[in-house]
């Protein structure tokens, strides 16, 4: 998985809305990316207003 969501996630859901394969879901205090579904496209990182998503 090339992208991870860091602790600066504000739980706004913008990343989940951007994901074309629904690989992002609510976790405990932040959203999480399912590495099995992720296409490494980067659209989640581009849509994150908190810049919490980075390449691993």
PDB file of N, CA and C in Angstrom:
ATOM      1  N   UNK A   1       0.843  -1.178   0.000  1.00  0.00           N
ATOM      2  CA  UNK A   1       0.000   0.000   0.000  1.00  0.00           C
ATOM      3  C   UNK A   1       0.887   1.239   0.000  1.00  0.00           C
ATOM      4  N   UNK A   2       0.667   2.106  -0.938  1.00  0.00           N
ATOM      5  CA  UNK A   2       1.515   3.281  -1.084  1.00  0.00           C
ATOM      6  C   UNK A   2       1.053   4.467  -0.257  1.00  0.00           C
ATOM      7  N   UNK A   3      -0.186   4.452   0.253  1.00  0.00           N
ATOM      8  CA  UNK A   3      -0.702   5.596   1.005  1.00  0.00           C
ATOM      9  C   UNK A   3      -1.151   5.177   2.393  1.00  0.00           C
ATOM     10  N   UNK A   4      -0.914   6.045   3.367  1.00  0.00           N
ATOM     11  CA  UNK A   4      -1.374   5.828   4.738  1.00  0.00           C
ATOM     12  C   UNK A   4      -1.991   7.118   5.247  1.00  0.00           C
ATOM     13  N   UNK A   5      -2.946   6.980   6.149  1.00  0.00           N
ATOM     14  CA  UNK A   5      -3.596   8.132   6.759  1.00  0.00           C
ATOM     15  C   UNK A   5      -2.995   8.341   8.132  1.00  0.00           C
ATOM     16  N   UNK A   6      -2.443   9.520   8.348  1.00  0.00           N
ATOM     17  CA  UNK A   6      -1.765   9.839   9.600  1.00  0.00           C
ATOM     18  C   UNK A   6      -2.700  10.346  10.684  1.00  0.00           C
ATOM     19  N   UNK A   7      -2.115  10.627  11.844  1.00  0.00           N
ATOM     20  CA  UNK A   7      -2.869  11.068  12.999  1.00  0.00           C
ATOM     21  C   UNK A   7      -3.472  12.458  12.856  1.00  0.00           C
ATOM     22  N   UNK A   8      -3.086  13.198  11.831  1.00  0.00           N
ATOM     23  CA  UNK A   8      -3.666  14.532  11.632  1.00  0.00           C
ATOM     24  C   UNK A   8      -5.020  14.470  10.931  1.00  0.00           C
ATOM     25  N   UNK A   9      -5.536  13.259  10.697  1.00  0.00           N
ATOM     26  CA  UNK A   9      -6.859  13.062  10.101  1.00  0.00           C
ATOM     27  C   UNK A   9      -7.917  13.736  10.974  1.00  0.00           C
ATOM     28  N   UNK A  10      -8.798  14.506  10.345  1.00  0.00           N
ATOM     29  CA  UNK A  10      -9.855  15.212  11.072  1.00  0.00           C
ATOM     30  C   UNK A  10     -11.221  14.535  10.908  1.00  0.00           C
ATOM     31  N   UNK A  11     -11.241  13.324  10.366  1.00  0.00           N
ATOM     32  CA  UNK A  11     -12.457  12.524  10.209  1.00  0.00           C
ATOM     33  C   UNK A  11     -13.545  13.231   9.392  1.00  0.00           C
ATOM     34  N   UNK A  12     -13.147  13.962   8.358  1.00  0.00           N
ATOM     35  CA  UNK A  12     -14.123  14.691   7.546  1.00  0.00           C
ATOM     36  C   UNK A  12     -14.769  13.809   6.478  1.00  0.00           C
ATOM     37  N   UNK A  13     -14.104  12.724   6.075  1.00  0.00           N
ATOM     38  CA  UNK A  13     -14.664  11.810   5.087  1.00  0.00           C
ATOM     39  C   UNK A  13     -14.372  12.173   3.643  1.00  0.00           C
ATOM     40  N   UNK A  14     -13.640  13.249   3.412  1.00  0.00           N
ATOM     41  CA  UNK A  14     -13.337  13.669   2.042  1.00  0.00           C
ATOM     42  C   UNK A  14     -12.562  12.592   1.286  1.00  0.00           C
ATOM     43  N   UNK A  15     -11.653  11.923   1.951  1.00  0.00           N
ATOM     44  CA  UNK A  15     -10.846  10.887   1.304  1.00  0.00           C
ATOM     45  C   UNK A  15     -11.715   9.713   0.859  1.00  0.00           C
ATOM     46  N   UNK A  16     -12.639   9.301   1.718  1.00  0.00           N
ATOM     47  CA  UNK A  16     -13.513   8.175   1.387  1.00  0.00           C
ATOM     48  C   UNK A  16     -14.380   8.498   0.176  1.00  0.00           C
ATOM     49  N   UNK A  17     -14.817   9.741   0.088  1.00  0.00           N
ATOM     50  CA  UNK A  17     -15.649  10.154  -1.045  1.00  0.00           C
ATOM     51  C   UNK A  17     -14.856  10.157  -2.350  1.00  0.00           C
ATOM     52  N   UNK A  18     -13.543  10.380  -2.279  1.00  0.00           N
ATOM     53  CA  UNK A  18     -12.692  10.436  -3.464  1.00  0.00           C
ATOM     54  C   UNK A  18     -12.245   9.058  -3.953  1.00  0.00           C
ATOM     55  N   UNK A  19     -12.284   8.056  -3.089  1.00  0.00           N
ATOM     56  CA  UNK A  19     -11.751   6.727  -3.435  1.00  0.00           C
ATOM     57  C   UNK A  19     -12.651   6.000  -4.437  1.00  0.00           C
ATOM     58  N   UNK A  20     -12.110   5.643  -5.617  1.00  0.00           N
ATOM     59  CA  UNK A  20     -12.917   4.983  -6.647  1.00  0.00           C
ATOM     60  C   UNK A  20     -13.257   3.523  -6.339  1.00  0.00           C
ATOM     61  N   UNK A  21     -12.570   2.906  -5.382  1.00  0.00           N
ATOM     62  CA  UNK A  21     -12.826   1.494  -5.070  1.00  0.00           C
ATOM     63  C   UNK A  21     -13.315   1.280  -3.636  1.00  0.00           C
ATOM     64  N   UNK A  22     -13.708   2.358  -2.965  1.00  0.00           N
ATOM     65  CA  UNK A  22     -14.225   2.291  -1.601  1.00  0.00           C
ATOM     66  C   UNK A  22     -13.277   1.554  -0.649  1.00  0.00           C
ATOM     67  N   UNK A  23     -11.993   1.880  -0.728  1.00  0.00           N
ATOM     68  CA  UNK A  23     -10.982   1.239   0.111  1.00  0.00           C
ATOM     69  C   UNK A  23     -10.769   1.970   1.431  1.00  0.00           C
ATOM     70  N   UNK A  24     -11.485   3.063   1.660  1.00  0.00           N
ATOM     71  CA  UNK A  24     -11.285   3.872   2.865  1.00  0.00           C
ATOM     72  C   UNK A  24     -12.543   3.823   3.721  1.00  0.00           C
ATOM     73  N   UNK A  25     -12.329   3.567   5.017  1.00  0.00           N
ATOM     74  CA  UNK A  25     -13.461   3.500   5.943  1.00  0.00           C
ATOM     75  C   UNK A  25     -13.074   4.145   7.269  1.00  0.00           C
ATOM     76  N   UNK A  26     -14.092   4.391   8.107  1.00  0.00           N
ATOM     77  CA  UNK A  26     -13.843   4.976   9.415  1.00  0.00           C
ATOM     78  C   UNK A  26     -13.133   3.973  10.305  1.00  0.00           C
ATOM     79  N   UNK A  27     -12.080   4.460  10.957  1.00  0.00           N
ATOM     80  CA  UNK A  27     -11.366   3.639  11.917  1.00  0.00           C
ATOM     81  C   UNK A  27     -11.538   4.226  13.299  1.00  0.00           C
ATOM     82  N   UNK A  28     -10.667   3.896  14.203  1.00  0.00           N
ATOM     83  CA  UNK A  28     -10.726   4.386  15.575  1.00  0.00           C
ATOM     84  C   UNK A  28     -10.002   5.726  15.659  1.00  0.00           C
ATOM     85  N   UNK A  29     -10.726   6.815  15.505  1.00  0.00           N
ATOM     86  CA  UNK A  29     -10.142   8.151  15.601  1.00  0.00           C
ATOM     87  C   UNK A  29      -9.617   8.719  14.300  1.00  0.00           C
ATOM     88  N   UNK A  30      -9.566   7.910  13.250  1.00  0.00           N
ATOM     89  CA  UNK A  30      -9.144   8.379  11.930  1.00  0.00           C
ATOM     90  C   UNK A  30      -9.615   7.378  10.885  1.00  0.00           C
ATOM     91  N   UNK A  31      -9.630   7.806   9.656  1.00  0.00           N
ATOM     92  CA  UNK A  31      -9.988   6.900   8.565  1.00  0.00           C
ATOM     93  C   UNK A  31      -8.812   5.966   8.279  1.00  0.00           C
ATOM     94  N   UNK A  32      -9.106   4.804   7.718  1.00  0.00           N
ATOM     95  CA  UNK A  32      -8.079   3.818   7.397  1.00  0.00           C
ATOM     96  C   UNK A  32      -8.239   3.354   5.947  1.00  0.00           C
ATOM     97  N   UNK A  33      -7.130   2.971   5.346  1.00  0.00           N
ATOM     98  CA  UNK A  33      -7.119   2.487   3.962  1.00  0.00           C
ATOM     99  C   UNK A  33      -6.930   0.974   3.965  1.00  0.00           C
ATOM    100  N   UNK A  34      -7.797   0.266   3.266  1.00  0.00           N
ATOM    101  CA  UNK A  34      -7.700  -1.183   3.118  1.00  0.00           C
ATOM    102  C   UNK A  34      -6.694  -1.476   2.004  1.00  0.00           C
ATOM    103  N   UNK A  35      -5.540  -1.976   2.378  1.00  0.00           N
ATOM    104  CA  UNK A  35      -4.472  -2.247   1.435  1.00  0.00           C
ATOM    105  C   UNK A  35      -4.816  -3.263   0.366  1.00  0.00           C
ATOM    106  N   UNK A  36      -5.783  -4.139   0.639  1.00  0.00           N
ATOM    107  CA  UNK A  36      -6.201  -5.149  -0.335  1.00  0.00           C
ATOM    108  C   UNK A  36      -6.992  -4.524  -1.482  1.00  0.00           C
ATOM    109  N   UNK A  37      -7.721  -3.444  -1.198  1.00  0.00           N
ATOM    110  CA  UNK A  37      -8.557  -2.794  -2.206  1.00  0.00           C
ATOM    111  C   UNK A  37      -7.870  -1.608  -2.874  1.00  0.00           C
ATOM    112  N   UNK A  38      -6.933  -0.979  -2.193  1.00  0.00           N
ATOM    113  CA  UNK A  38      -6.301   0.260  -2.665  1.00  0.00           C
ATOM    114  C   UNK A  38      -5.596   0.074  -4.010  1.00  0.00           C
ATOM    115  N   UNK A  39      -5.843   1.029  -4.917  1.00  0.00           N
ATOM    116  CA  UNK A  39      -5.213   1.019  -6.241  1.00  0.00           C
ATOM    117  C   UNK A  39      -3.954   1.885  -6.301  1.00  0.00           C
ATOM    118  N   UNK A  40      -3.623   2.556  -5.209  1.00  0.00           N
ATOM    119  CA  UNK A  40      -2.484   3.484  -5.155  1.00  0.00           C
ATOM    120  C   UNK A  40      -2.626   4.619  -6.161  1.00  0.00           C
ATOM    121  N   UNK A  41      -3.858   5.077  -6.368  1.00  0.00           N
ATOM    122  CA  UNK A  41      -4.094   6.122  -7.370  1.00  0.00           C
ATOM    123  C   UNK A  41      -3.796   7.527  -6.845  1.00  0.00           C
ATOM    124  N   UNK A  42      -3.883   7.728  -5.522  1.00  0.00           N
ATOM    125  CA  UNK A  42      -3.568   9.029  -4.942  1.00  0.00           C
ATOM    126  C   UNK A  42      -4.706  10.023  -4.885  1.00  0.00           C
ATOM    127  N   UNK A  43      -5.895   9.643  -5.345  1.00  0.00           N
ATOM    128  CA  UNK A  43      -6.991  10.608  -5.321  1.00  0.00           C
ATOM    129  C   UNK A  43      -7.413  10.942  -3.892  1.00  0.00           C
ATOM    130  N   UNK A  44      -7.211  10.048  -2.960  1.00  0.00           N
ATOM    131  CA  UNK A  44      -7.528  10.328  -1.556  1.00  0.00           C
ATOM    132  C   UNK A  44      -6.618  11.420  -1.002  1.00  0.00           C
ATOM    133  N   UNK A  45      -5.337  11.325  -1.309  1.00  0.00           N
ATOM    134  CA  UNK A  45      -4.376  12.324  -0.824  1.00  0.00           C
ATOM    135  C   UNK A  45      -4.660  13.689  -1.418  1.00  0.00           C
ATOM    136  N   UNK A  46      -5.053  13.716  -2.676  1.00  0.00           N
ATOM    137  CA  UNK A  46      -5.356  14.982  -3.335  1.00  0.00           C
ATOM    138  C   UNK A  46      -6.593  15.643  -2.746  1.00  0.00           C
ATOM    139  N   UNK A  47      -7.524  14.845  -2.213  1.00  0.00           N
ATOM    140  CA  UNK A  47      -8.765  15.392  -1.678  1.00  0.00           C
ATOM    141  C   UNK A  47      -8.761  15.644  -0.186  1.00  0.00           C
ATOM    142  N   UNK A  48      -7.653  15.382   0.490  1.00  0.00           N
ATOM    143  CA  UNK A  48      -7.593  15.533   1.946  1.00  0.00           C
ATOM    144  C   UNK A  48      -7.272  16.976   2.345  1.00  0.00           C
ATOM    145  N   UNK A  49      -8.237  17.678   2.994  1.00  0.00           N
ATOM    146  CA  UNK A  49      -7.983  19.065   3.380  1.00  0.00           C
ATOM    147  C   UNK A  49      -6.964  19.213   4.516  1.00  0.00           C
ATOM    148  N   UNK A  50      -6.746  18.139   5.286  1.00  0.00           N
ATOM    149  CA  UNK A  50      -5.811  18.185   6.412  1.00  0.00           C
ATOM    150  C   UNK A  50      -4.417  17.705   6.009  1.00  0.00           C
ATOM    151  N   UNK A  51      -4.259  17.299   4.755  1.00  0.00           N
ATOM    152  CA  UNK A  51      -2.989  16.750   4.255  1.00  0.00           C
ATOM    153  C   UNK A  51      -2.488  15.622   5.152  1.00  0.00           C
ATOM    154  N   UNK A  52      -3.430  14.760   5.590  1.00  0.00           N
ATOM    155  CA  UNK A  52      -3.112  13.665   6.501  1.00  0.00           C
ATOM    156  C   UNK A  52      -2.692  12.400   5.765  1.00  0.00           C
ATOM    157  N   UNK A  53      -2.853  12.363   4.437  1.00  0.00           N
ATOM    158  CA  UNK A  53      -2.552  11.150   3.681  1.00  0.00           C
ATOM    159  C   UNK A  53      -1.227  11.334   2.935  1.00  0.00           C
ATOM    160  N   UNK A  54      -0.325  10.428   3.217  1.00  0.00           N
ATOM    161  CA  UNK A  54       1.018  10.495   2.624  1.00  0.00           C
ATOM    162  C   UNK A  54       1.382   9.156   2.016  1.00  0.00           C
ATOM    163  N   UNK A  55       2.312   9.188   1.079  1.00  0.00           N
ATOM    164  CA  UNK A  55       2.843   7.936   0.532  1.00  0.00           C
ATOM    165  C   UNK A  55       3.721   7.287   1.588  1.00  0.00           C
ATOM    166  N   UNK A  56       3.574   5.989   1.732  1.00  0.00           N
ATOM    167  CA  UNK A  56       4.357   5.247   2.735  1.00  0.00           C
ATOM    168  C   UNK A  56       5.765   5.009   2.245  1.00  0.00           C
TER     169      UNK A  56
END
